[in-house]
Amino acid sequence: MEPTGTVVFASVGVTNFGFDVFSAPVPLPSAEEEADARLAERRHTDGVSVNFNAQFVDDGGEEVAFVSERAGAAGLFLCRPGFERAEPLPTVEGSLFHDRPTVRGGRMYFVSAHEKPPVPFRSWAAVYATDMGSKETVRVSPQGVVDMSPAVSVSGELVAVASYGDRPWAFDFRVLETEVAVFRAADPARRVVVAARGGWPTWHGEGTVFFHSVAEDGWWSVFRVDISAETLEPTGAERRVTPPGLHCFTPAAVGRGGGRWIAVATRRKGRAQRHVELFDLETEQFTPLTERLNPELHHYNPFFSSSSDRVGYHRFRGAGAAGDKVVPHLQPVRSPVSSLRMLRVNGTFPSFSPDSGHLAINGDFFKTPGVTILRSDGRKRWVLTREPNLFYTAWSPTESGVLFTSMGPIFETPKATVRIARLEFDAGELTPDRDEVATTLKVLTRPEAGNDAFPAVSPCGKWIVFRSGRSGHKNLYIVDAAHGESSNGGEGTIRRLTDGEWIDTMPSWSPDGSMIAFSSNRHDPTNPTVFSIYLVRPDGSGLRRVHVAGPAGSAEADKERINHVCFSPDSRWLLFTANFGGVVAEPISAPNQFQPYGDLYVCRLDGSGLVRLTCNAYENGTPAWGPAAAELESLSLSPPVGDDSLGEFDEPLWLTCDV
């Protein structure tokens, strides 16, 4: 039997991007003609959803092929001048991830991630090509080879990729350990590695490849390598093109060769925004491009027109621009399992009310309200508390208007002050005419106890299992759900469930009451990066590990990083986030993702029946699993309701100019 119900989860940033594809002339009008320069910028996409990673179509004028999230997953689309809506491009049916489309000579090259590798911890990304006439798609990357960021020469005869080759994922997710490989489109199996480390290749004519890499001095820089037309072997050593002192990445070269410019995205000291600049290969000087047009906005991933007189990029479309203007409270996401409905929530740590009519949601831990209640059709939201420093939500299954959460900083040490809190409110006040509901907060654990977090409620509603660092190590405890550990002096109201010098965390109580699932590194206590699923009965007996990536004792099992585990409504399946699929795109090319390898999976309680639910370049996490609800059907039938926070996202937080 397949898993059924509704999965609600969060993804980092993507709902806020509001990207559209634009282009500007090269060079821009002079500084004295600043108004003309702004007017010269053109939008090529239609303002629907998130649109990015575009290329001008070969000999197509201003037609652009691009990636869009409009169908609930990253698909490929085409926008033509004068047409109101984008049209889908022929791709791989059922694939949840497509990227980097390039149309050359009647073929479209792109990345897809629909073929599951035979072993875990390998990326699913590979390059494919579709004949635009017959619509037939073939795999270009050899079987077992991981490729991303394809670039096609103007002739359509040569392809360059950022590649892991047939190597397993090394758990790199910031600076990828990819090589740059080139091959003839007619013979993709015979490839030549032209740079041992690098990514995002771009062709300059048929004999030069530019790419980005982190130089020895720590700066992201653009390099070039010249290759033989006959053998494709490098004719000399790779050379650094851009100077130290600023970050330069995602280069774009003039495909026909002979041009003096390359376009690069840059990050400079003293400037928070990512901008596209032109770099003169002759004078080795930069010329600003997008900073003159939209100085306060980030601009990503430049590309040249076939005539080389325009540079394209994607950016936030702007608050007053035509197109989608809100971040939806709930967003339908394409599911690979027909019996599972999937929804992306604007917030974190969602949980279903006992009748599934509402969701409780945390904010971003900093600016947005700490706990809100959302109607399950996404049409109405109420604020319970504006206190931002709250994380995790769990409903009482037996008491109306009762929620539990954690108060304090997230991702802290065992002895940091984090407490379990009980929120009480009148559910009858969840009415259309209200935006906020009065709430009473009761702290259930002692402040001196340490880091108490991630409460999960027993089906009878009497008990809470939670993670606590009170012993100096993070283990699981069970406390009275109504009175907490302070009742009657604390005697008998709290008991320890697990004990050890390791981390046990993020527990989930099964709906049938028989088991508690949690994440732990007890199999490798000195390694804080590996976590696996464990099950234990509420009385502490029957502890066992659920092996998912491989059998007990295997190398694969000990590489698992599994978190946010929860049960299906029938208690037969487990839902969780995991690192099994690696990364499918270069993280430097996008806004911040803390863990871009984080995807959702389900398996049975014995670890069998593993199914990947998400596959994208984002971190997906904090899932909740509820029943199929009729109210959710209206989500796809009505315009979205949401926040006016489009365009608010971060650059990679790990990228610094303090090199």
Foldseek 3Di string as FASTA:
>chain_A
DDFFFEKEWAFADQLQFQKFKKKFFPPAPDPVPLVSRQVRIGTFAQQAAHWFQWAAAQVQVRKIWTWGCNVQATFIWIGDPPDNHIHGAQDDPLFRDKHRWYHAPQKIKIWTQDDDAPAFQAASIFIWMARRPVRDIDTLAPPQWHWHQWEAFNNRFKIKTFTPGNDGAPQDAAQGQTFIWMDTSVCSVDIDGAGRGFGNWEAAAQFKIKTWHQDPVGAIFIKMFGADPVRRHTPDHIGTQADPQKHWHLKEHQRNHPDQWIKTWIDHPPAFAIAIWIAGSVVRDIDGRCCSNPVVWHWFRWYAHNVRGMIMTMTNPDCPDPHDQFSFQWDWHDWSDPNYTYIYGQAFQWEAALVSQKIWGAHPLPFAAGIKIAGNQRPAIAGAGRNRNKDHWEYQNPDPFKIKIKGDHPPDFQAQFIFIKIKGWDPVPRDPVHRYTYIDIDTQDDRRQGHWGQWEAALVRQKTWTWHSSVVETFIKIAGRPRHQPPPPNPPGMDGQDDDLAHWHNWYAANVQFKIKTWIPVVPRVDPQAIFIWIAGPVNPDIDTQQASDDPPDPRSRRWRWHLWYAANVRFKIKIWIQGNPAHHNLQRDAAAPNQSTFMWMATPNNPPIDTTHHYRIHMGSMYGRRHDPSNVCNVVDDGDHHSSRSDGGHHPVDDSPD
